[in-house]
Amino acid sequence: MVSKFTPGPWFVTTDVTATGPVVQAADGAHVAVCAPVTIYAGNVCVQTTQEHAANNALLIAAAPDLLAALQAIVEEAGPQYGFAEADGAVIGTINRLSYLARAAI
């Protein structure tokens, strides 16, 4: 599979020119800037905090590792959707997890 994103690892850092936590690649490229936002929609106002922005940055930074984990699950599950030999319940669980992993990739 050819990568269609900035290669990992990614990490969270701060940049004085940014408005929130920065997700940065090992080569120094900025992947994302996560800033608190305020959104108004009619009579509704939704605000995120600096804590939300920091947590979003951590989640985004984990994306390359999460993708690698899902790819490993799919690879271990075999060419179809699961292992050929195991207890029936185990096969069902592995098949479901493999299906979810494939869908996320």
N, C-alpha and C. Protein backbone atom coordinates (compact mmCIF):
# COMPACT_ATOMS: atom_id res chain seq x y z
N MET A 1 0.84 -1.18 0.00
CA MET A 1 0.00 0.00 0.00
C MET A 1 0.88 1.24 0.00
N VAL A 2 0.63 2.15 -0.89
CA VAL A 2 1.39 3.38 -1.00
C VAL A 2 0.81 4.41 -0.04
N SER A 3 1.69 5.04 0.71
CA SER A 3 1.26 6.05 1.67
C SER A 3 0.73 7.28 0.95
N LYS A 4 -0.41 7.79 1.42
CA LYS A 4 -1.01 8.99 0.84
C LYS A 4 -1.03 10.11 1.87
N PHE A 5 -0.10 10.05 2.82
CA PHE A 5 -0.03 11.06 3.86
C PHE A 5 1.42 11.25 4.26
N THR A 6 1.68 12.25 5.06
CA THR A 6 3.02 12.50 5.56
C THR A 6 3.45 11.32 6.43
N PRO A 7 4.58 10.70 6.13
CA PRO A 7 5.02 9.55 6.91
C PRO A 7 5.23 9.89 8.38
N GLY A 8 4.94 8.91 9.25
CA GLY A 8 5.16 9.08 10.68
C GLY A 8 6.62 8.85 11.01
N PRO A 9 7.00 8.97 12.24
CA PRO A 9 6.12 9.27 13.37
C PRO A 9 5.72 10.74 13.40
N TRP A 10 4.57 11.00 14.03
CA TRP A 10 4.11 12.36 14.25
C TRP A 10 4.14 12.62 15.75
N PHE A 11 4.35 13.85 16.13
CA PHE A 11 4.34 14.20 17.55
C PHE A 11 3.73 15.57 17.73
N VAL A 12 3.33 15.85 18.95
CA VAL A 12 2.69 17.13 19.27
C VAL A 12 3.75 18.07 19.83
N THR A 13 3.74 19.28 19.32
CA THR A 13 4.67 20.30 19.78
C THR A 13 3.95 21.64 19.83
N THR A 14 4.62 22.65 20.23
CA THR A 14 4.04 23.99 20.21
C THR A 14 4.85 24.83 19.24
N ASP A 15 4.20 25.78 18.66
CA ASP A 15 4.82 26.70 17.72
C ASP A 15 4.26 28.08 18.06
N VAL A 16 5.14 29.01 18.32
CA VAL A 16 4.67 30.33 18.75
C VAL A 16 3.85 31.04 17.68
N THR A 17 3.96 30.58 16.43
CA THR A 17 3.18 31.20 15.36
C THR A 17 1.81 30.56 15.20
N ALA A 18 1.57 29.44 15.88
CA ALA A 18 0.30 28.71 15.75
C ALA A 18 -0.65 29.12 16.86
N THR A 19 -1.93 28.82 16.64
CA THR A 19 -2.97 29.17 17.61
C THR A 19 -3.28 28.04 18.58
N GLY A 20 -2.59 26.92 18.45
CA GLY A 20 -2.82 25.77 19.32
C GLY A 20 -1.74 24.74 19.12
N PRO A 21 -1.90 23.57 19.73
CA PRO A 21 -0.91 22.51 19.58
C PRO A 21 -0.71 22.15 18.10
N VAL A 22 0.53 21.84 17.75
CA VAL A 22 0.88 21.50 16.38
C VAL A 22 1.26 20.03 16.30
N VAL A 23 0.69 19.33 15.32
CA VAL A 23 1.10 17.96 15.04
C VAL A 23 2.17 18.07 13.96
N GLN A 24 3.33 17.54 14.28
CA GLN A 24 4.49 17.72 13.41
C GLN A 24 5.08 16.37 13.05
N ALA A 25 5.57 16.26 11.81
CA ALA A 25 6.23 15.04 11.35
C ALA A 25 7.71 15.09 11.75
N ALA A 26 8.35 13.94 11.66
CA ALA A 26 9.77 13.85 12.03
C ALA A 26 10.64 14.79 11.20
N ASP A 27 10.22 15.07 9.97
CA ASP A 27 11.01 15.97 9.12
C ASP A 27 10.72 17.44 9.39
N GLY A 28 9.87 17.72 10.37
CA GLY A 28 9.56 19.10 10.74
C GLY A 28 8.32 19.67 10.07
N ALA A 29 7.76 18.93 9.12
CA ALA A 29 6.56 19.41 8.43
C ALA A 29 5.37 19.45 9.39
N HIS A 30 4.57 20.52 9.29
CA HIS A 30 3.36 20.60 10.10
C HIS A 30 2.28 19.74 9.44
N VAL A 31 1.70 18.85 10.20
CA VAL A 31 0.63 17.98 9.73
C VAL A 31 -0.72 18.63 10.03
N ALA A 32 -0.84 19.22 11.23
CA ALA A 32 -2.10 19.84 11.64
C ALA A 32 -1.83 20.83 12.77
N VAL A 33 -2.68 21.83 12.84
CA VAL A 33 -2.70 22.75 13.97
C VAL A 33 -4.07 22.63 14.59
N CYS A 34 -4.11 22.33 15.87
CA CYS A 34 -5.38 22.13 16.57
C CYS A 34 -5.61 23.31 17.50
N ALA A 35 -6.60 24.09 17.19
CA ALA A 35 -6.88 25.28 17.98
C ALA A 35 -8.30 25.23 18.52
N PRO A 36 -8.52 25.85 19.67
CA PRO A 36 -9.89 25.96 20.17
C PRO A 36 -10.72 26.78 19.17
N VAL A 37 -11.98 26.41 19.03
CA VAL A 37 -12.84 27.13 18.09
C VAL A 37 -14.18 27.45 18.74
N THR A 38 -14.84 28.45 18.19
CA THR A 38 -16.20 28.79 18.57
C THR A 38 -17.03 28.77 17.30
N ILE A 39 -18.12 28.02 17.32
CA ILE A 39 -18.98 27.90 16.15
C ILE A 39 -20.38 28.35 16.54
N TYR A 40 -20.92 29.24 15.76
CA TYR A 40 -22.29 29.71 15.98
C TYR A 40 -23.18 29.15 14.88
N ALA A 41 -24.30 28.54 15.28
CA ALA A 41 -25.28 28.02 14.33
C ALA A 41 -26.66 28.39 14.86
N GLY A 42 -27.22 29.45 14.32
CA GLY A 42 -28.51 29.91 14.81
C GLY A 42 -28.39 30.37 16.25
N ASN A 43 -29.18 29.78 17.13
CA ASN A 43 -29.14 30.13 18.55
C ASN A 43 -28.18 29.26 19.35
N VAL A 44 -27.41 28.43 18.66
CA VAL A 44 -26.52 27.50 19.35
C VAL A 44 -25.08 27.96 19.18
N CYS A 45 -24.34 27.94 20.28
CA CYS A 45 -22.93 28.27 20.26
C CYS A 45 -22.15 27.07 20.80
N VAL A 46 -21.24 26.55 20.00
CA VAL A 46 -20.42 25.42 20.43
C VAL A 46 -18.99 25.92 20.55
N GLN A 47 -18.38 25.69 21.70
CA GLN A 47 -17.01 26.11 21.91
C GLN A 47 -16.17 24.91 22.31
N THR A 48 -14.97 24.85 21.78
CA THR A 48 -14.01 23.86 22.25
C THR A 48 -12.95 24.59 23.06
N THR A 49 -12.31 23.86 23.92
CA THR A 49 -11.32 24.45 24.81
C THR A 49 -9.91 24.11 24.36
N GLN A 50 -8.94 24.70 25.03
CA GLN A 50 -7.54 24.37 24.76
C GLN A 50 -7.29 22.89 25.08
N GLU A 51 -8.00 22.37 26.09
CA GLU A 51 -7.87 20.95 26.43
C GLU A 51 -8.36 20.07 25.28
N HIS A 52 -9.50 20.45 24.66
CA HIS A 52 -9.99 19.71 23.50
C HIS A 52 -8.95 19.74 22.38
N ALA A 53 -8.39 20.92 22.13
CA ALA A 53 -7.40 21.06 21.07
C ALA A 53 -6.19 20.17 21.34
N ALA A 54 -5.73 20.14 22.59
CA ALA A 54 -4.57 19.31 22.93
C ALA A 54 -4.87 17.83 22.76
N ASN A 55 -6.06 17.41 23.18
CA ASN A 55 -6.45 16.00 23.03
C ASN A 55 -6.64 15.63 21.56
N ASN A 56 -7.21 16.53 20.77
CA ASN A 56 -7.34 16.28 19.33
C ASN A 56 -5.97 16.13 18.69
N ALA A 57 -5.02 16.95 19.09
CA ALA A 57 -3.67 16.87 18.54
C ALA A 57 -3.03 15.52 18.86
N LEU A 58 -3.23 15.04 20.09
CA LEU A 58 -2.68 13.73 20.47
C LEU A 58 -3.28 12.61 19.63
N LEU A 59 -4.58 12.69 19.40
CA LEU A 59 -5.25 11.68 18.58
C LEU A 59 -4.74 11.71 17.14
N ILE A 60 -4.62 12.89 16.58
CA ILE A 60 -4.11 13.02 15.21
C ILE A 60 -2.68 12.51 15.13
N ALA A 61 -1.86 12.84 16.11
CA ALA A 61 -0.46 12.41 16.11
C ALA A 61 -0.33 10.89 16.16
N ALA A 62 -1.33 10.22 16.72
CA ALA A 62 -1.30 8.75 16.82
C ALA A 62 -1.70 8.07 15.52
N ALA A 63 -2.19 8.80 14.55
CA ALA A 63 -2.73 8.20 13.32
C ALA A 63 -1.77 7.25 12.61
N PRO A 64 -0.50 7.60 12.39
CA PRO A 64 0.38 6.63 11.71
C PRO A 64 0.54 5.32 12.48
N ASP A 65 0.63 5.40 13.81
CA ASP A 65 0.75 4.19 14.62
C ASP A 65 -0.54 3.38 14.59
N LEU A 66 -1.68 4.05 14.62
CA LEU A 66 -2.96 3.36 14.55
C LEU A 66 -3.11 2.66 13.20
N LEU A 67 -2.71 3.32 12.12
CA LEU A 67 -2.76 2.71 10.79
C LEU A 67 -1.87 1.47 10.74
N ALA A 68 -0.67 1.56 11.29
CA ALA A 68 0.24 0.41 11.29
C ALA A 68 -0.36 -0.76 12.07
N ALA A 69 -1.02 -0.46 13.19
CA ALA A 69 -1.66 -1.52 13.98
C ALA A 69 -2.79 -2.18 13.19
N LEU A 70 -3.60 -1.39 12.52
CA LEU A 70 -4.69 -1.96 11.72
C LEU A 70 -4.14 -2.79 10.57
N GLN A 71 -3.08 -2.31 9.93
CA GLN A 71 -2.48 -3.08 8.83
C GLN A 71 -1.92 -4.41 9.35
N ALA A 72 -1.34 -4.42 10.55
CA ALA A 72 -0.83 -5.66 11.13
C ALA A 72 -1.96 -6.64 11.42
N ILE A 73 -3.09 -6.13 11.92
CA ILE A 73 -4.25 -7.00 12.18
C ILE A 73 -4.72 -7.64 10.89
N VAL A 74 -4.84 -6.83 9.84
CA VAL A 74 -5.32 -7.35 8.57
C VAL A 74 -4.34 -8.37 8.01
N GLU A 75 -3.05 -8.10 8.12
CA GLU A 75 -2.04 -9.02 7.61
C GLU A 75 -2.08 -10.35 8.37
N GLU A 76 -2.20 -10.29 9.69
CA GLU A 76 -2.27 -11.50 10.50
C GLU A 76 -3.55 -12.28 10.26
N ALA A 77 -4.61 -11.59 9.90
CA ALA A 77 -5.90 -12.25 9.71
C ALA A 77 -5.93 -13.11 8.45
N GLY A 78 -4.98 -12.93 7.60
CA GLY A 78 -4.92 -13.75 6.40
C GLY A 78 -5.59 -13.08 5.22
N PRO A 79 -5.59 -13.76 4.08
CA PRO A 79 -6.08 -13.15 2.85
C PRO A 79 -7.57 -12.89 2.81
N GLN A 80 -8.34 -13.62 3.59
CA GLN A 80 -9.78 -13.39 3.59
C GLN A 80 -10.14 -12.46 4.72
N TYR A 81 -10.89 -12.94 5.69
CA TYR A 81 -11.27 -12.11 6.83
C TYR A 81 -10.88 -12.71 8.16
N GLY A 82 -10.17 -13.81 8.19
CA GLY A 82 -9.82 -14.38 9.48
C GLY A 82 -8.92 -15.57 9.37
N PHE A 83 -8.59 -16.13 10.51
CA PHE A 83 -7.75 -17.31 10.56
C PHE A 83 -8.55 -18.53 10.15
N ALA A 84 -7.89 -19.50 9.56
CA ALA A 84 -8.57 -20.70 9.09
C ALA A 84 -8.85 -21.68 10.22
N GLU A 85 -7.98 -21.73 11.22
CA GLU A 85 -8.13 -22.72 12.28
C GLU A 85 -8.14 -22.06 13.65
N ALA A 86 -9.22 -22.23 14.36
CA ALA A 86 -9.34 -21.74 15.74
C ALA A 86 -10.72 -22.12 16.24
N ASP A 87 -10.94 -21.91 17.50
CA ASP A 87 -12.25 -22.12 18.09
C ASP A 87 -13.27 -21.24 17.36
N GLY A 88 -14.49 -21.72 17.19
CA GLY A 88 -15.51 -20.98 16.45
C GLY A 88 -15.73 -19.56 16.95
N ALA A 89 -15.80 -19.37 18.27
CA ALA A 89 -16.01 -18.04 18.84
C ALA A 89 -14.80 -17.14 18.55
N VAL A 90 -13.61 -17.72 18.64
CA VAL A 90 -12.39 -16.96 18.36
C VAL A 90 -12.37 -16.53 16.90
N ILE A 91 -12.74 -17.45 16.01
CA ILE A 91 -12.77 -17.11 14.58
C ILE A 91 -13.74 -15.96 14.33
N GLY A 92 -14.92 -16.03 14.96
CA GLY A 92 -15.91 -14.97 14.78
C GLY A 92 -15.38 -13.63 15.25
N THR A 93 -14.73 -13.61 16.41
CA THR A 93 -14.17 -12.37 16.95
C THR A 93 -13.07 -11.83 16.04
N ILE A 94 -12.17 -12.70 15.61
CA ILE A 94 -11.09 -12.28 14.73
C ILE A 94 -11.64 -11.75 13.41
N ASN A 95 -12.64 -12.44 12.88
CA ASN A 95 -13.23 -11.98 11.63
C ASN A 95 -13.84 -10.59 11.77
N ARG A 96 -14.57 -10.35 12.88
CA ARG A 96 -15.17 -9.03 13.09
C ARG A 96 -14.09 -7.95 13.23
N LEU A 97 -13.05 -8.24 14.01
CA LEU A 97 -11.97 -7.27 14.19
C LEU A 97 -11.24 -7.00 12.89
N SER A 98 -11.01 -8.05 12.13
CA SER A 98 -10.34 -7.89 10.84
C SER A 98 -11.19 -7.04 9.90
N TYR A 99 -12.51 -7.29 9.89
CA TYR A 99 -13.41 -6.51 9.05
C TYR A 99 -13.37 -5.04 9.44
N LEU A 100 -13.41 -4.75 10.74
CA LEU A 100 -13.35 -3.36 11.22
C LEU A 100 -12.03 -2.70 10.85
N ALA A 101 -10.95 -3.45 10.99
CA ALA A 101 -9.64 -2.92 10.65
C ALA A 101 -9.56 -2.59 9.16
N ARG A 102 -10.04 -3.51 8.32
CA ARG A 102 -10.01 -3.27 6.86
C ARG A 102 -10.85 -2.04 6.51
N ALA A 103 -12.00 -1.90 7.16
CA ALA A 103 -12.87 -0.75 6.87
C ALA A 103 -12.19 0.55 7.28
N ALA A 104 -11.45 0.54 8.36
CA ALA A 104 -10.78 1.77 8.83
C ALA A 104 -9.61 2.16 7.93
N ILE A 105 -8.99 1.17 7.32
CA ILE A 105 -7.86 1.46 6.43
C ILE A 105 -8.37 2.06 5.15
